[in-house]
C-alpha atoms as a PDB file:
ATOM      1  CA  PRO A   1     -41.764  20.541 -83.232  1.00  0.00           C
ATOM      2  CA  ARG A   2     -42.367  20.843 -79.536  1.00  0.00           C
ATOM      3  CA  PHE A   3     -45.324  23.156 -80.101  1.00  0.00           C
ATOM      4  CA  GLY A   4     -47.362  23.373 -83.280  1.00  0.00           C
ATOM      5  CA  GLY A   5     -47.903  20.376 -85.505  1.00  0.00           C
ATOM      6  CA  ALA A   6     -48.436  18.046 -82.567  1.00  0.00           C
ATOM      7  CA  LEU A   7     -51.846  16.901 -83.755  1.00  0.00           C
ATOM      8  CA  ASP A   8     -50.591  15.907 -87.219  1.00  0.00           C
ATOM      9  CA  ARG A   9     -47.493  14.220 -85.816  1.00  0.00           C
ATOM     10  CA  ALA A  10     -49.545  12.399 -83.158  1.00  0.00           C
ATOM     11  CA  ALA A  11     -51.906  11.126 -85.856  1.00  0.00           C
ATOM     12  CA  GLN A  12     -48.945   9.945 -87.904  1.00  0.00           C
ATOM     13  CA  ILE A  13     -47.052   8.140 -85.161  1.00  0.00           C
ATOM     14  CA  PHE A  14     -50.103   6.556 -83.502  1.00  0.00           C
ATOM     15  CA  THR A  15     -51.375   5.353 -86.885  1.00  0.00           C
ATOM     16  CA  GLU A  16     -47.956   3.971 -87.847  1.00  0.00           C
ATOM     17  CA  GLY A  17     -47.622   2.267 -84.475  1.00  0.00           C
ATOM     18  CA  SER A  18     -51.096   0.801 -84.661  1.00  0.00           C
ATOM     19  CA  ASP A  19     -50.710  -0.345 -88.272  1.00  0.00           C
ATOM     20  CA  SER A  20     -47.350  -1.974 -87.561  1.00  0.00           C
ATOM     21  CA  GLY A  21     -48.865  -4.226 -84.894  1.00  0.00           C
ATOM     22  CA  VAL A  22     -46.125  -3.305 -82.419  1.00  0.00           C
ATOM     23  CA  ASP A  23     -46.925  -3.649 -78.721  1.00  0.00           C
ATOM     24  CA  ALA A  24     -47.442  -0.294 -76.935  1.00  0.00           C
ATOM     25  CA  ALA A  25     -44.548  -0.937 -74.526  1.00  0.00           C
ATOM     26  CA  ASP A  26     -42.204  -1.706 -77.435  1.00  0.00           C
ATOM     27  CA  PHE A  27     -43.448   1.392 -79.249  1.00  0.00           C
ATOM     28  CA  VAL A  28     -42.538   3.559 -76.238  1.00  0.00           C
ATOM     29  CA  LYS A  29     -39.127   1.857 -75.944  1.00  0.00           C
ATOM     30  CA  ASP A  30     -38.448   2.401 -79.658  1.00  0.00           C
ATOM     31  CA  MET A  31     -39.391   6.079 -79.431  1.00  0.00           C
ATOM     32  CA  ARG A  32     -37.116   6.472 -76.420  1.00  0.00           C
ATOM     33  CA  LYS A  33     -34.233   4.775 -78.247  1.00  0.00           C
ATOM     34  CA  LYS A  34     -34.719   7.177 -81.161  1.00  0.00           C
ATOM     35  CA  ASN A  35     -34.847  10.044 -78.644  1.00  0.00           C
ATOM     36  CA  GLU A  36     -38.182  11.152 -80.121  1.00  0.00           C
ATOM     37  CA  LEU A  37     -41.031  12.757 -78.231  1.00  0.00           C
ATOM     38  CA  ILE A  38     -44.354  10.977 -78.458  1.00  0.00           C
ATOM     39  CA  MET A  39     -46.585  13.748 -79.734  1.00  0.00           C
ATOM     40  CA  GLY A  40     -50.018  13.567 -78.159  1.00  0.00           C
ATOM     41  CA  ILE A  41     -48.660  12.346 -74.833  1.00  0.00           C
ATOM     42  CA  GLY A  42     -47.975  14.612 -71.867  1.00  0.00           C
ATOM     43  CA  HIS A  43     -49.463  17.663 -70.193  1.00  0.00           C
ATOM     44  CA  ARG A  44     -47.939  20.321 -67.956  1.00  0.00           C
ATOM     45  CA  ILE A  45     -50.855  20.538 -65.556  1.00  0.00           C
ATOM     46  CA  LYS A  46     -53.166  17.596 -66.150  1.00  0.00           C
ATOM     47  CA  SER A  47     -52.381  14.096 -64.891  1.00  0.00           C
ATOM     48  CA  LEU A  48     -53.996  10.784 -64.013  1.00  0.00           C
ATOM     49  CA  SER A  49     -55.380  12.296 -60.813  1.00  0.00           C
ATOM     50  CA  ASN A  50     -56.451  15.531 -62.567  1.00  0.00           C
ATOM     51  CA  PRO A  51     -57.524  14.468 -66.078  1.00  0.00           C
ATOM     52  CA  ASP A  52     -58.299  16.836 -68.942  1.00  0.00           C
ATOM     53  CA  LYS A  53     -62.092  16.858 -69.287  1.00  0.00           C
ATOM     54  CA  ARG A  54     -61.784  17.587 -73.031  1.00  0.00           C
ATOM     55  CA  VAL A  55     -59.910  14.327 -73.522  1.00  0.00           C
ATOM     56  CA  GLU A  56     -62.477  12.420 -71.481  1.00  0.00           C
ATOM     57  CA  ILE A  57     -65.351  13.841 -73.572  1.00  0.00           C
ATOM     58  CA  ILE A  58     -63.650  13.185 -76.932  1.00  0.00           C
ATOM     59  CA  LYS A  59     -62.557   9.692 -75.899  1.00  0.00           C
ATOM     60  CA  GLU A  60     -66.025   8.747 -74.648  1.00  0.00           C
ATOM     61  CA  TYR A  61     -67.675  10.119 -77.803  1.00  0.00           C
ATOM     62  CA  ALA A  62     -65.293   8.307 -80.150  1.00  0.00           C
ATOM     63  CA  LEU A  63     -65.582   4.977 -78.364  1.00  0.00           C
ATOM     64  CA  LYS A  64     -69.374   5.231 -78.343  1.00  0.00           C
ATOM     65  CA  ASN A  65     -69.971   6.533 -81.878  1.00  0.00           C
ATOM     66  CA  PHE A  66     -67.181   5.281 -84.153  1.00  0.00           C
ATOM     67  CA  SER A  67     -66.977   1.688 -85.289  1.00  0.00           C
ATOM     68  CA  ASP A  68     -63.186   1.623 -85.688  1.00  0.00           C
ATOM     69  CA  ASN A  69     -61.179   2.940 -82.753  1.00  0.00           C
ATOM     70  CA  THR A  70     -57.998   1.001 -83.476  1.00  0.00           C
ATOM     71  CA  VAL A  71     -55.714   4.041 -83.404  1.00  0.00           C
ATOM     72  CA  LEU A  72     -57.369   5.509 -80.298  1.00  0.00           C
ATOM     73  CA  GLU A  73     -57.072   2.165 -78.537  1.00  0.00           C
ATOM     74  CA  PHE A  74     -53.378   2.041 -79.447  1.00  0.00           C
ATOM     75  CA  ALA A  75     -52.897   5.589 -78.114  1.00  0.00           C
ATOM     76  CA  LEU A  76     -54.651   4.607 -74.876  1.00  0.00           C
ATOM     77  CA  ALA A  77     -52.365   1.568 -74.576  1.00  0.00           C
ATOM     78  CA  VAL A  78     -49.361   3.879 -75.029  1.00  0.00           C
ATOM     79  CA  GLU A  79     -50.791   6.098 -72.280  1.00  0.00           C
ATOM     80  CA  GLN A  80     -50.936   3.071 -69.964  1.00  0.00           C
ATOM     81  CA  VAL A  81     -47.199   2.591 -70.497  1.00  0.00           C
ATOM     82  CA  THR A  82     -46.168   6.244 -70.219  1.00  0.00           C
ATOM     83  CA  THR A  83     -48.198   6.952 -67.076  1.00  0.00           C
ATOM     84  CA  GLN A  84     -46.327   4.187 -65.290  1.00  0.00           C
ATOM     85  CA  LYS A  85     -43.256   6.392 -65.625  1.00  0.00           C
ATOM     86  CA  LYS A  86     -44.880   9.717 -64.774  1.00  0.00           C
ATOM     87  CA  ALA A  87     -48.517  10.628 -63.978  1.00  0.00           C
ATOM     88  CA  ASN A  88     -48.604  13.620 -66.332  1.00  0.00           C
ATOM     89  CA  LEU A  89     -47.588  11.562 -69.385  1.00  0.00           C
ATOM     90  CA  ILE A  90     -51.263  11.191 -70.269  1.00  0.00           C
ATOM     91  CA  LEU A  91     -52.960  11.230 -73.637  1.00  0.00           C
ATOM     92  CA  ASN A  92     -53.518  14.935 -74.281  1.00  0.00           C
ATOM     93  CA  VAL A  93     -56.198  16.590 -76.407  1.00  0.00           C
ATOM     94  CA  ASP A  94     -54.005  16.551 -79.552  1.00  0.00           C
ATOM     95  CA  GLY A  95     -53.334  12.850 -79.119  1.00  0.00           C
ATOM     96  CA  CYS A  96     -56.982  12.068 -78.525  1.00  0.00           C
ATOM     97  CA  ILE A  97     -58.186  14.025 -81.555  1.00  0.00           C
ATOM     98  CA  ALA A  98     -55.449  12.502 -83.688  1.00  0.00           C
END
């Protein structure tokens, strides 16, 4: 789904990607080959130069207070790849929560 279910799907794909040990760049390439959207990535208004404050707060809290941030770190690595293509392909609030 384009809208609705993004949080669950983001959690699923980021966890699968992280657990598989695949490199973030290869993950993005594989998703593109499958013609699948990466749920949890992208925002209509927010971008690298205008970040979503909710994402910043959640990300900072998780990194500071949780001992295992493997999936979040994978999602952030995916964001590094996607933002090279377009500045608004950032980790959104669904992706960060997931």
